[in-house]
Amino acid sequence: MTTANKLTIISIAIAIAIISLWYGQSNALLPVAASPEAEAVDGIFQLMMTVATGLFLLIEGVLIYSAIRFRKKPGDETDGPPVEGNVLIEIVWTAIPTVIVLIISIYSFDVYNAMGGLDPEASRDSGPQQVAEKTNSNQGLEGLIASVSDYLALGLGESPANRSKNLTPLSVDVNAIQYAFLFTYGESGVVSGELHVPVGQPVRLKITAGDVIHAFWVPQLRVKQDAVPGREAQISFTPQRTGEYPIICAELCGPYHGAMKTQLIVESQQAYQSWIDQQQVAQSQSLEDAVAVGQTDPLNAYAEEIGVNQQTLEQLPPHTH
């Protein structure tokens, strides 16, 4: 190989590396990251985009070069050389993907742990053997399901960083029903159709469903968790940017699934406390007066059972029939 060819190959490799790093780190394909957990997920995404961009440019470049360089010449009727294989090339193209997958896997596991995926309080999985030992063989299917539910948890727990700081998270119960999310603030008793949280304070959501499977998804937090009837899932995050972000149901749950949306409102501690105080005053009125909003909204059937008031119902998205 001549010096000129070597310089050409080196120049192409440098160009591919620069383009890959530039596009992988500044592609603007994701919405704003509203939490440290979202930034950690973005790191994985940017790494994969960098690798994918480099592989795309390399492979497409080789294909285009080969199609031009080795195209059939006019009048050439000869056969190509009898190539059976190249052990070195086969080892290389097997080793490279293996290394890439291992790096991404280790990085993903580290991010999953940093987000609270290995929190023992949220991942109480005793294993099939222990569950089987504690399950009476005469319980039947319903008893088995109930026993397993006691030992399995879903979602993300508190991050190691927050656990080490002994920060007290804001705990909110999330009940997904057709076609709305209802948020219950345990200590205050406030029930809302919107999720209000103070900026900078860890938040723990306990998610369940009242009818069918739903999903709690906030793109700006990079978290999405299924809400399963009879099961409690948990996700934790720490909002770091004030603003309003959409909460979307990402699981097909019925004919009005597309309208099942609400808002996550991240605000200052003072604004959050003021909102809590206002909600407590508004919800102190009689429940019968609170739910007297007409008989056309399908959510009215849930109002008395769940304990919501008129102001909460007005926060829920309208449904067009």
C-alpha atoms as a PDB file:
ATOM      1  CA  MET A   1       0.000   0.000   0.000  1.00  0.00           C
ATOM      2  CA  THR A   2       1.415   3.339  -1.028  1.00  0.00           C
ATOM      3  CA  THR A   3       1.828   6.294   1.284  1.00  0.00           C
ATOM      4  CA  ALA A   4      -0.889   8.166  -0.596  1.00  0.00           C
ATOM      5  CA  ASN A   5      -3.362   5.316  -0.037  1.00  0.00           C
ATOM      6  CA  LYS A   6      -2.495   5.177   3.661  1.00  0.00           C
ATOM      7  CA  LEU A   7      -3.046   8.922   4.018  1.00  0.00           C
ATOM      8  CA  THR A   8      -6.373   8.626   2.194  1.00  0.00           C
ATOM      9  CA  ILE A   9      -7.581   5.853   4.508  1.00  0.00           C
ATOM     10  CA  ILE A  10      -6.461   7.759   7.616  1.00  0.00           C
ATOM     11  CA  SER A  11      -8.191  10.926   6.390  1.00  0.00           C
ATOM     12  CA  ILE A  12     -11.427   9.030   5.731  1.00  0.00           C
ATOM     13  CA  ALA A  13     -11.277   7.396   9.181  1.00  0.00           C
ATOM     14  CA  ILE A  14     -10.744  10.772  10.864  1.00  0.00           C
ATOM     15  CA  ALA A  15     -13.622  12.307   8.884  1.00  0.00           C
ATOM     16  CA  ILE A  16     -15.963   9.443   9.841  1.00  0.00           C
ATOM     17  CA  ALA A  17     -14.982   9.784  13.508  1.00  0.00           C
ATOM     18  CA  ILE A  18     -15.557  13.559  13.530  1.00  0.00           C
ATOM     19  CA  ILE A  19     -18.936  13.312  11.776  1.00  0.00           C
ATOM     20  CA  SER A  20     -20.048  10.468  14.042  1.00  0.00           C
ATOM     21  CA  LEU A  21     -19.109  12.320  17.226  1.00  0.00           C
ATOM     22  CA  TRP A  22     -20.717  15.541  16.011  1.00  0.00           C
ATOM     23  CA  TYR A  23     -24.023  13.944  15.014  1.00  0.00           C
ATOM     24  CA  GLY A  24     -24.120  11.529  17.932  1.00  0.00           C
ATOM     25  CA  GLN A  25     -23.651  14.280  20.524  1.00  0.00           C
ATOM     26  CA  SER A  26     -25.723  17.064  18.919  1.00  0.00           C
ATOM     27  CA  ASN A  27     -28.508  15.433  16.914  1.00  0.00           C
ATOM     28  CA  ALA A  28     -31.368  17.204  18.784  1.00  0.00           C
ATOM     29  CA  LEU A  29     -33.592  14.154  18.310  1.00  0.00           C
ATOM     30  CA  LEU A  30     -34.772  14.081  21.941  1.00  0.00           C
ATOM     31  CA  PRO A  31     -36.858  16.622  23.875  1.00  0.00           C
ATOM     32  CA  VAL A  32     -35.369  18.578  26.754  1.00  0.00           C
ATOM     33  CA  ALA A  33     -34.058  16.482  29.643  1.00  0.00           C
ATOM     34  CA  ALA A  34     -35.985  17.529  32.754  1.00  0.00           C
ATOM     35  CA  SER A  35     -34.213  15.301  35.298  1.00  0.00           C
ATOM     36  CA  PRO A  36     -30.767  13.816  36.006  1.00  0.00           C
ATOM     37  CA  GLU A  37     -32.199  10.400  35.140  1.00  0.00           C
ATOM     38  CA  ALA A  38     -33.124  11.709  31.702  1.00  0.00           C
ATOM     39  CA  GLU A  39     -29.588  12.998  31.171  1.00  0.00           C
ATOM     40  CA  ALA A  40     -28.223   9.548  32.028  1.00  0.00           C
ATOM     41  CA  VAL A  41     -30.505   7.926  29.453  1.00  0.00           C
ATOM     42  CA  ASP A  42     -29.430  10.536  26.904  1.00  0.00           C
ATOM     43  CA  GLY A  43     -25.833   9.445  27.426  1.00  0.00           C
ATOM     44  CA  ILE A  44     -26.679   5.920  26.249  1.00  0.00           C
ATOM     45  CA  PHE A  45     -28.669   7.268  23.319  1.00  0.00           C
ATOM     46  CA  GLN A  46     -25.827   9.544  22.223  1.00  0.00           C
ATOM     47  CA  LEU A  47     -23.315   6.697  22.447  1.00  0.00           C
ATOM     48  CA  MET A  48     -25.504   4.438  20.309  1.00  0.00           C
ATOM     49  CA  MET A  49     -26.112   7.227  17.781  1.00  0.00           C
ATOM     50  CA  THR A  50     -22.361   7.878  17.567  1.00  0.00           C
ATOM     51  CA  VAL A  51     -21.585   4.206  16.940  1.00  0.00           C
ATOM     52  CA  ALA A  52     -24.503   3.778  14.534  1.00  0.00           C
ATOM     53  CA  THR A  53     -23.523   6.858  12.521  1.00  0.00           C
ATOM     54  CA  GLY A  54     -19.922   5.672  12.201  1.00  0.00           C
ATOM     55  CA  LEU A  55     -20.975   2.173  11.115  1.00  0.00           C
ATOM     56  CA  PHE A  56     -23.468   3.590   8.623  1.00  0.00           C
ATOM     57  CA  LEU A  57     -20.891   5.866   7.003  1.00  0.00           C
ATOM     58  CA  LEU A  58     -18.255   3.113   6.932  1.00  0.00           C
ATOM     59  CA  ILE A  59     -20.484   0.383   5.500  1.00  0.00           C
ATOM     60  CA  GLU A  60     -22.258   2.591   2.973  1.00  0.00           C
ATOM     61  CA  GLY A  61     -18.919   4.057   1.928  1.00  0.00           C
ATOM     62  CA  VAL A  62     -17.431   0.593   1.342  1.00  0.00           C
ATOM     63  CA  LEU A  63     -20.518  -0.484  -0.631  1.00  0.00           C
ATOM     64  CA  ILE A  64     -20.435   2.592  -2.858  1.00  0.00           C
ATOM     65  CA  TYR A  65     -16.676   2.302  -3.399  1.00  0.00           C
ATOM     66  CA  SER A  66     -16.959  -1.412  -4.213  1.00  0.00           C
ATOM     67  CA  ALA A  67     -19.855  -0.870  -6.629  1.00  0.00           C
ATOM     68  CA  ILE A  68     -17.790   1.688  -8.558  1.00  0.00           C
ATOM     69  CA  ARG A  69     -14.307   0.218  -8.220  1.00  0.00           C
ATOM     70  CA  PHE A  70     -15.210  -3.376  -9.037  1.00  0.00           C
ATOM     71  CA  ARG A  71     -18.021  -2.859 -11.524  1.00  0.00           C
ATOM     72  CA  LYS A  72     -18.051  -4.995 -14.644  1.00  0.00           C
ATOM     73  CA  LYS A  73     -15.922  -3.568 -17.416  1.00  0.00           C
ATOM     74  CA  PRO A  74     -17.301  -3.413 -20.973  1.00  0.00           C
ATOM     75  CA  GLY A  75     -16.522  -6.657 -22.831  1.00  0.00           C
ATOM     76  CA  ASP A  76     -15.341  -8.506 -19.709  1.00  0.00           C
ATOM     77  CA  GLU A  77     -16.916 -11.996 -19.726  1.00  0.00           C
ATOM     78  CA  THR A  78     -14.513 -13.683 -17.301  1.00  0.00           C
ATOM     79  CA  ASP A  79     -15.461 -15.139 -13.935  1.00  0.00           C
ATOM     80  CA  GLY A  80     -14.408 -13.519 -10.700  1.00  0.00           C
ATOM     81  CA  PRO A  81     -11.679 -15.051  -8.511  1.00  0.00           C
ATOM     82  CA  PRO A  82     -12.840 -18.126  -6.501  1.00  0.00           C
ATOM     83  CA  VAL A  83     -12.882 -16.642  -2.978  1.00  0.00           C
ATOM     84  CA  GLU A  84     -14.021 -19.097  -0.279  1.00  0.00           C
ATOM     85  CA  GLY A  85     -13.514 -16.974   2.832  1.00  0.00           C
ATOM     86  CA  ASN A  86     -11.112 -14.987   4.924  1.00  0.00           C
ATOM     87  CA  VAL A  87     -10.644 -16.151   8.508  1.00  0.00           C
ATOM     88  CA  LEU A  88      -9.065 -12.885   9.666  1.00  0.00           C
ATOM     89  CA  ILE A  89     -11.908 -10.745   8.308  1.00  0.00           C
ATOM     90  CA  GLU A  90     -14.511 -13.083   9.805  1.00  0.00           C
ATOM     91  CA  ILE A  91     -12.842 -12.845  13.216  1.00  0.00           C
ATOM     92  CA  VAL A  92     -12.682  -9.050  12.989  1.00  0.00           C
ATOM     93  CA  TRP A  93     -16.318  -8.547  11.956  1.00  0.00           C
ATOM     94  CA  THR A  94     -17.421 -10.872  14.755  1.00  0.00           C
ATOM     95  CA  ALA A  95     -15.208  -9.277  17.403  1.00  0.00           C
ATOM     96  CA  ILE A  96     -16.179  -5.668  16.646  1.00  0.00           C
ATOM     97  CA  PRO A  97     -19.963  -6.115  17.208  1.00  0.00           C
ATOM     98  CA  THR A  98     -19.241  -8.223  20.287  1.00  0.00           C
ATOM     99  CA  VAL A  99     -17.143  -5.469  21.842  1.00  0.00           C
ATOM    100  CA  ILE A 100     -19.743  -2.815  20.949  1.00  0.00           C
ATOM    101  CA  VAL A 101     -22.595  -4.828  22.482  1.00  0.00           C
ATOM    102  CA  LEU A 102     -20.590  -5.495  25.654  1.00  0.00           C
ATOM    103  CA  ILE A 103     -19.732  -1.805  26.087  1.00  0.00           C
ATOM    104  CA  ILE A 104     -23.349  -0.708  25.591  1.00  0.00           C
ATOM    105  CA  SER A 105     -24.598  -3.467  27.912  1.00  0.00           C
ATOM    106  CA  ILE A 106     -22.249  -2.489  30.741  1.00  0.00           C
ATOM    107  CA  TYR A 107     -23.033   1.200  30.255  1.00  0.00           C
ATOM    108  CA  SER A 108     -26.795   0.473  30.209  1.00  0.00           C
ATOM    109  CA  PHE A 109     -26.560  -1.561  33.408  1.00  0.00           C
ATOM    110  CA  ASP A 110     -24.679   1.266  35.108  1.00  0.00           C
ATOM    111  CA  VAL A 111     -27.328   3.807  34.058  1.00  0.00           C
ATOM    112  CA  TYR A 112     -30.125   1.451  35.128  1.00  0.00           C
ATOM    113  CA  ASN A 113     -28.541   1.188  38.559  1.00  0.00           C
ATOM    114  CA  ALA A 114     -28.022   4.956  38.758  1.00  0.00           C
ATOM    115  CA  MET A 115     -31.725   5.472  38.001  1.00  0.00           C
ATOM    116  CA  GLY A 116     -32.753   3.202  40.877  1.00  0.00           C
ATOM    117  CA  GLY A 117     -33.343   0.003  38.954  1.00  0.00           C
ATOM    118  CA  LEU A 118     -31.525  -2.027  41.617  1.00  0.00           C
ATOM    119  CA  ASP A 119     -33.145  -0.341  44.612  1.00  0.00           C
ATOM    120  CA  PRO A 120     -33.988  -3.222  46.997  1.00  0.00           C
ATOM    121  CA  GLU A 121     -37.094  -1.370  48.185  1.00  0.00           C
ATOM    122  CA  ALA A 122     -38.492  -1.319  44.647  1.00  0.00           C
ATOM    123  CA  SER A 123     -37.171  -4.673  43.433  1.00  0.00           C
ATOM    124  CA  ARG A 124     -38.280  -7.138  46.063  1.00  0.00           C
ATOM    125  CA  ASP A 125     -37.953 -10.168  43.789  1.00  0.00           C
ATOM    126  CA  SER A 126     -37.660 -13.247  45.993  1.00  0.00           C
ATOM    127  CA  GLY A 127     -37.267 -15.533  43.004  1.00  0.00           C
ATOM    128  CA  PRO A 128     -39.521 -18.297  41.698  1.00  0.00           C
ATOM    129  CA  GLN A 129     -38.137 -20.912  44.104  1.00  0.00           C
ATOM    130  CA  GLN A 130     -38.875 -18.883  47.228  1.00  0.00           C
ATOM    131  CA  VAL A 131     -42.290 -17.890  45.939  1.00  0.00           C
ATOM    132  CA  ALA A 132     -43.088 -21.525  45.234  1.00  0.00           C
ATOM    133  CA  GLU A 133     -42.013 -22.540  48.726  1.00  0.00           C
ATOM    134  CA  LYS A 134     -44.323 -19.966  50.294  1.00  0.00           C
ATOM    135  CA  THR A 135     -47.269 -20.839  48.047  1.00  0.00           C
ATOM    136  CA  ASN A 136     -49.595 -23.604  49.145  1.00  0.00           C
ATOM    137  CA  SER A 137     -50.194 -26.103  46.363  1.00  0.00           C
ATOM    138  CA  ASN A 138     -53.909 -26.078  47.206  1.00  0.00           C
ATOM    139  CA  GLN A 139     -54.298 -22.340  46.693  1.00  0.00           C
ATOM    140  CA  GLY A 140     -55.202 -22.593  43.050  1.00  0.00           C
ATOM    141  CA  LEU A 141     -54.401 -20.092  40.310  1.00  0.00           C
ATOM    142  CA  GLU A 142     -55.795 -17.030  42.102  1.00  0.00           C
ATOM    143  CA  GLY A 143     -53.787 -17.792  45.229  1.00  0.00           C
ATOM    144  CA  LEU A 144     -50.629 -18.302  43.208  1.00  0.00           C
ATOM    145  CA  ILE A 145     -51.064 -14.973  41.416  1.00  0.00           C
ATOM    146  CA  ALA A 146     -51.688 -13.195  44.713  1.00  0.00           C
ATOM    147  CA  SER A 147     -48.584 -14.751  46.292  1.00  0.00           C
ATOM    148  CA  VAL A 148     -46.362 -13.860  43.357  1.00  0.00           C
ATOM    149  CA  SER A 149     -47.685 -10.287  43.426  1.00  0.00           C
ATOM    150  CA  ASP A 150     -46.469  -9.974  47.016  1.00  0.00           C
ATOM    151  CA  TYR A 151     -42.884 -10.733  45.983  1.00  0.00           C
ATOM    152  CA  LEU A 152     -42.514  -9.032  42.622  1.00  0.00           C
ATOM    153  CA  ALA A 153     -42.233  -5.287  42.136  1.00  0.00           C
ATOM    154  CA  LEU A 154     -42.248  -3.220  38.966  1.00  0.00           C
ATOM    155  CA  GLY A 155     -40.410  -0.065  37.966  1.00  0.00           C
ATOM    156  CA  LEU A 156     -37.561   2.079  39.263  1.00  0.00           C
ATOM    157  CA  GLY A 157     -36.783   2.803  42.886  1.00  0.00           C
ATOM    158  CA  GLU A 158     -34.796   5.563  44.508  1.00  0.00           C
ATOM    159  CA  SER A 159     -31.427   6.326  42.948  1.00  0.00           C
ATOM    160  CA  PRO A 160     -28.240   5.530  44.917  1.00  0.00           C
ATOM    161  CA  ALA A 161     -27.340   9.234  44.857  1.00  0.00           C
ATOM    162  CA  ASN A 162     -30.583  10.207  46.593  1.00  0.00           C
ATOM    163  CA  ARG A 163     -30.357   7.310  49.052  1.00  0.00           C
ATOM    164  CA  SER A 164     -26.875   8.421  50.086  1.00  0.00           C
ATOM    165  CA  LYS A 165     -28.170  11.959  50.751  1.00  0.00           C
ATOM    166  CA  ASN A 166     -31.086  10.661  52.865  1.00  0.00           C
ATOM    167  CA  LEU A 167     -33.491  12.869  50.923  1.00  0.00           C
ATOM    168  CA  THR A 168     -37.187  12.358  51.639  1.00  0.00           C
ATOM    169  CA  PRO A 169     -39.065  11.871  48.370  1.00  0.00           C
ATOM    170  CA  LEU A 170     -42.504  13.271  47.632  1.00  0.00           C
ATOM    171  CA  SER A 171     -44.785  10.232  47.417  1.00  0.00           C
ATOM    172  CA  VAL A 172     -47.740  10.355  45.022  1.00  0.00           C
ATOM    173  CA  ASP A 173     -50.177   7.559  44.200  1.00  0.00           C
ATOM    174  CA  VAL A 174     -51.098   7.371  40.512  1.00  0.00           C
ATOM    175  CA  ASN A 175     -54.325   5.662  39.487  1.00  0.00           C
ATOM    176  CA  ALA A 176     -54.796   5.215  35.736  1.00  0.00           C
ATOM    177  CA  ILE A 177     -58.374   4.732  34.544  1.00  0.00           C
ATOM    178  CA  GLN A 178     -60.137   5.073  31.224  1.00  0.00           C
ATOM    179  CA  TYR A 179     -59.201   7.727  30.205  1.00  0.00           C
ATOM    180  CA  ALA A 180     -57.374   9.807  32.786  1.00  0.00           C
ATOM    181  CA  PHE A 181     -54.684   9.829  35.440  1.00  0.00           C
ATOM    182  CA  LEU A 182     -55.630  10.616  39.039  1.00  0.00           C
ATOM    183  CA  PHE A 183     -52.867  11.708  41.426  1.00  0.00           C
ATOM    184  CA  THR A 184     -53.301  11.351  45.197  1.00  0.00           C
ATOM    185  CA  TYR A 185     -50.907  13.160  47.518  1.00  0.00           C
ATOM    186  CA  GLY A 186     -50.850  10.893  50.570  1.00  0.00           C
ATOM    187  CA  GLU A 187     -49.967  13.284  53.387  1.00  0.00           C
ATOM    188  CA  SER A 188     -52.268  16.109  52.276  1.00  0.00           C
ATOM    189  CA  GLY A 189     -55.062  13.957  50.864  1.00  0.00           C
ATOM    190  CA  VAL A 190     -55.203  16.093  47.726  1.00  0.00           C
ATOM    191  CA  VAL A 191     -56.513  14.372  44.590  1.00  0.00           C
ATOM    192  CA  SER A 192     -55.692  16.016  41.268  1.00  0.00           C
ATOM    193  CA  GLY A 193     -55.932  15.404  37.556  1.00  0.00           C
ATOM    194  CA  GLU A 194     -52.506  17.025  37.097  1.00  0.00           C
ATOM    195  CA  LEU A 195     -49.179  16.091  38.646  1.00  0.00           C
ATOM    196  CA  HIS A 196     -47.612  19.033  40.499  1.00  0.00           C
ATOM    197  CA  VAL A 197     -44.128  18.554  41.964  1.00  0.00           C
ATOM    198  CA  PRO A 198     -41.514  20.916  43.441  1.00  0.00           C
ATOM    199  CA  VAL A 199     -38.294  21.364  41.523  1.00  0.00           C
ATOM    200  CA  GLY A 200     -35.224  19.721  43.032  1.00  0.00           C
ATOM    201  CA  GLN A 201     -37.100  17.310  45.319  1.00  0.00           C
ATOM    202  CA  PRO A 202     -37.060  13.558  44.627  1.00  0.00           C
ATOM    203  CA  VAL A 203     -40.461  12.207  43.596  1.00  0.00           C
ATOM    204  CA  ARG A 204     -41.729   8.657  44.060  1.00  0.00           C
ATOM    205  CA  LEU A 205     -44.774   7.587  42.057  1.00  0.00           C
ATOM    206  CA  LYS A 206     -46.723   4.461  42.974  1.00  0.00           C
ATOM    207  CA  ILE A 207     -48.613   3.509  39.854  1.00  0.00           C
ATOM    208  CA  THR A 208     -51.575   1.199  39.386  1.00  0.00           C
ATOM    209  CA  ALA A 209     -54.604   0.897  37.108  1.00  0.00           C
ATOM    210  CA  GLY A 210     -58.286   0.655  37.905  1.00  0.00           C
ATOM    211  CA  ASP A 211     -59.533  -1.143  34.817  1.00  0.00           C
ATOM    212  CA  VAL A 212     -57.183  -2.119  31.973  1.00  0.00           C
ATOM    213  CA  ILE A 213     -53.442  -1.843  31.354  1.00  0.00           C
ATOM    214  CA  HIS A 214     -52.280   1.738  30.841  1.00  0.00           C
ATOM    215  CA  ALA A 215     -48.810   3.308  30.708  1.00  0.00           C
ATOM    216  CA  PHE A 216     -47.374   6.403  32.379  1.00  0.00           C
ATOM    217  CA  TRP A 217     -44.979   8.156  29.989  1.00  0.00           C
ATOM    218  CA  VAL A 218     -43.226  11.514  30.277  1.00  0.00           C
ATOM    219  CA  PRO A 219     -40.830  11.972  27.311  1.00  0.00           C
ATOM    220  CA  GLN A 220     -38.874  14.722  29.074  1.00  0.00           C
ATOM    221  CA  LEU A 221     -38.122  12.361  31.980  1.00  0.00           C
ATOM    222  CA  ARG A 222     -37.244   9.416  29.688  1.00  0.00           C
ATOM    223  CA  VAL A 223     -39.400   7.122  31.838  1.00  0.00           C
ATOM    224  CA  LYS A 224     -42.341   4.960  30.810  1.00  0.00           C
ATOM    225  CA  GLN A 225     -44.000   2.504  33.157  1.00  0.00           C
ATOM    226  CA  ASP A 226     -46.966   0.203  32.583  1.00  0.00           C
ATOM    227  CA  ALA A 227     -49.886   0.578  34.993  1.00  0.00           C
ATOM    228  CA  VAL A 228     -51.286  -2.896  35.626  1.00  0.00           C
ATOM    229  CA  PRO A 229     -54.572  -3.601  37.449  1.00  0.00           C
ATOM    230  CA  GLY A 230     -53.905  -5.278  40.782  1.00  0.00           C
ATOM    231  CA  ARG A 231     -50.166  -4.519  40.683  1.00  0.00           C
ATOM    232  CA  GLU A 232     -48.251  -1.557  42.038  1.00  0.00           C
ATOM    233  CA  ALA A 233     -45.368  -0.185  40.006  1.00  0.00           C
ATOM    234  CA  GLN A 234     -42.943   2.463  41.162  1.00  0.00           C
ATOM    235  CA  ILE A 235     -40.825   5.055  39.400  1.00  0.00           C
ATOM    236  CA  SER A 236     -38.634   7.724  40.966  1.00  0.00           C
ATOM    237  CA  PHE A 237     -37.123  10.877  39.509  1.00  0.00           C
ATOM    238  CA  THR A 238     -35.819  14.279  40.557  1.00  0.00           C
ATOM    239  CA  PRO A 239     -37.165  17.163  38.432  1.00  0.00           C
ATOM    240  CA  GLN A 240     -34.514  19.778  37.769  1.00  0.00           C
ATOM    241  CA  ARG A 241     -36.232  22.153  35.315  1.00  0.00           C
ATOM    242  CA  THR A 242     -39.411  24.092  35.997  1.00  0.00           C
ATOM    243  CA  GLY A 243     -42.068  23.914  33.317  1.00  0.00           C
ATOM    244  CA  GLU A 244     -45.026  21.935  32.038  1.00  0.00           C
ATOM    245  CA  TYR A 245     -44.460  18.531  30.443  1.00  0.00           C
ATOM    246  CA  PRO A 246     -46.989  16.131  28.892  1.00  0.00           C
ATOM    247  CA  ILE A 247     -48.000  12.911  30.623  1.00  0.00           C
ATOM    248  CA  ILE A 248     -49.178  10.417  28.022  1.00  0.00           C
ATOM    249  CA  CYS A 249     -50.718   6.972  28.161  1.00  0.00           C
ATOM    250  CA  ALA A 250     -48.497   4.856  25.902  1.00  0.00           C
ATOM    251  CA  GLU A 251     -50.519   1.633  26.079  1.00  0.00           C
ATOM    252  CA  LEU A 252     -53.593   1.118  23.878  1.00  0.00           C
ATOM    253  CA  CYS A 253     -56.382   1.146  26.475  1.00  0.00           C
ATOM    254  CA  GLY A 254     -59.590   1.720  24.541  1.00  0.00           C
ATOM    255  CA  PRO A 255     -61.292   3.883  21.893  1.00  0.00           C
ATOM    256  CA  TYR A 256     -60.293   7.167  23.584  1.00  0.00           C
ATOM    257  CA  HIS A 257     -56.706   6.139  24.291  1.00  0.00           C
ATOM    258  CA  GLY A 258     -55.344   9.050  22.250  1.00  0.00           C
ATOM    259  CA  ALA A 259     -57.064  11.545  24.547  1.00  0.00           C
ATOM    260  CA  MET A 260     -55.572  10.117  27.742  1.00  0.00           C
ATOM    261  CA  LYS A 261     -53.140  12.928  28.495  1.00  0.00           C
ATOM    262  CA  THR A 262     -52.447  15.344  31.303  1.00  0.00           C
ATOM    263  CA  GLN A 263     -49.569  17.507  32.547  1.00  0.00           C
ATOM    264  CA  LEU A 264     -46.570  17.291  34.819  1.00  0.00           C
ATOM    265  CA  ILE A 265     -46.073  20.744  36.324  1.00  0.00           C
ATOM    266  CA  VAL A 266     -42.661  21.338  37.887  1.00  0.00           C
ATOM    267  CA  GLU A 267     -42.653  24.507  39.984  1.00  0.00           C
ATOM    268  CA  SER A 268     -40.849  26.171  42.843  1.00  0.00           C
ATOM    269  CA  GLN A 269     -41.343  24.909  46.397  1.00  0.00           C
ATOM    270  CA  GLN A 270     -43.362  28.019  47.258  1.00  0.00           C
ATOM    271  CA  ALA A 271     -45.637  27.660  44.226  1.00  0.00           C
ATOM    272  CA  TYR A 272     -46.108  23.964  44.935  1.00  0.00           C
ATOM    273  CA  GLN A 273     -47.067  24.558  48.574  1.00  0.00           C
ATOM    274  CA  SER A 274     -49.466  27.305  47.511  1.00  0.00           C
ATOM    275  CA  TRP A 275     -51.112  24.904  45.062  1.00  0.00           C
ATOM    276  CA  ILE A 276     -51.444  22.231  47.769  1.00  0.00           C
ATOM    277  CA  ASP A 277     -53.085  24.755  50.113  1.00  0.00           C
ATOM    278  CA  GLN A 278     -55.536  25.830  47.407  1.00  0.00           C
ATOM    279  CA  GLN A 279     -56.426  22.237  46.617  1.00  0.00           C
ATOM    280  CA  GLN A 280     -57.057  21.403  50.261  1.00  0.00           C
ATOM    281  CA  VAL A 281     -59.467  24.326  50.575  1.00  0.00           C
ATOM    282  CA  ALA A 282     -61.230  23.451  47.321  1.00  0.00           C
ATOM    283  CA  GLN A 283     -61.575  19.779  48.231  1.00  0.00           C
ATOM    284  CA  SER A 284     -62.991  20.426  51.695  1.00  0.00           C
ATOM    285  CA  GLN A 285     -66.466  20.939  50.209  1.00  0.00           C
ATOM    286  CA  SER A 286     -68.995  18.126  50.193  1.00  0.00           C
ATOM    287  CA  LEU A 287     -68.272  15.267  47.789  1.00  0.00           C
ATOM    288  CA  GLU A 288     -71.852  15.225  46.553  1.00  0.00           C
ATOM    289  CA  ASP A 289     -71.623  18.830  45.366  1.00  0.00           C
ATOM    290  CA  ALA A 290     -68.160  18.215  43.941  1.00  0.00           C
ATOM    291  CA  VAL A 291     -69.191  15.445  41.567  1.00  0.00           C
ATOM    292  CA  ALA A 292     -72.427  17.079  40.369  1.00  0.00           C
ATOM    293  CA  VAL A 293     -70.991  17.996  36.974  1.00  0.00           C
ATOM    294  CA  GLY A 294     -73.474  16.217  34.712  1.00  0.00           C
ATOM    295  CA  GLN A 295     -74.052  12.660  33.665  1.00  0.00           C
ATOM    296  CA  THR A 296     -72.346  12.711  30.258  1.00  0.00           C
ATOM    297  CA  ASP A 297     -68.730  12.309  31.363  1.00  0.00           C
ATOM    298  CA  PRO A 298     -67.816   8.611  31.761  1.00  0.00           C
ATOM    299  CA  LEU A 299     -65.493   9.525  34.656  1.00  0.00           C
ATOM    300  CA  ASN A 300     -68.438  10.496  36.856  1.00  0.00           C
ATOM    301  CA  ALA A 301     -69.034   6.834  37.578  1.00  0.00           C
ATOM    302  CA  TYR A 302     -65.634   6.737  39.295  1.00  0.00           C
ATOM    303  CA  ALA A 303     -65.915  10.035  41.150  1.00  0.00           C
ATOM    304  CA  GLU A 304     -67.567   8.948  44.378  1.00  0.00           C
ATOM    305  CA  GLU A 305     -65.607   5.701  44.577  1.00  0.00           C
ATOM    306  CA  ILE A 306     -62.219   7.391  44.097  1.00  0.00           C
ATOM    307  CA  GLY A 307     -63.028  10.568  46.035  1.00  0.00           C
ATOM    308  CA  VAL A 308     -62.428  13.277  43.461  1.00  0.00           C
ATOM    309  CA  ASN A 309     -64.141  16.636  43.264  1.00  0.00           C
ATOM    310  CA  GLN A 310     -65.365  18.890  40.485  1.00  0.00           C
ATOM    311  CA  GLN A 311     -62.098  20.820  40.236  1.00  0.00           C
ATOM    312  CA  THR A 312     -60.205  17.576  39.747  1.00  0.00           C
ATOM    313  CA  LEU A 313     -62.600  16.423  37.037  1.00  0.00           C
ATOM    314  CA  GLU A 314     -62.235  19.760  35.243  1.00  0.00           C
ATOM    315  CA  GLN A 315     -58.458  19.180  35.043  1.00  0.00           C
ATOM    316  CA  LEU A 316     -58.949  15.957  33.096  1.00  0.00           C
ATOM    317  CA  PRO A 317     -58.817  16.075  29.286  1.00  0.00           C
ATOM    318  CA  PRO A 318     -62.190  16.259  27.503  1.00  0.00           C
ATOM    319  CA  HIS A 319     -63.342  13.355  25.341  1.00  0.00           C
ATOM    320  CA  THR A 320     -65.069  13.985  22.036  1.00  0.00           C
ATOM    321  CA  HIS A 321     -67.689  11.404  21.073  1.00  0.00           C
END
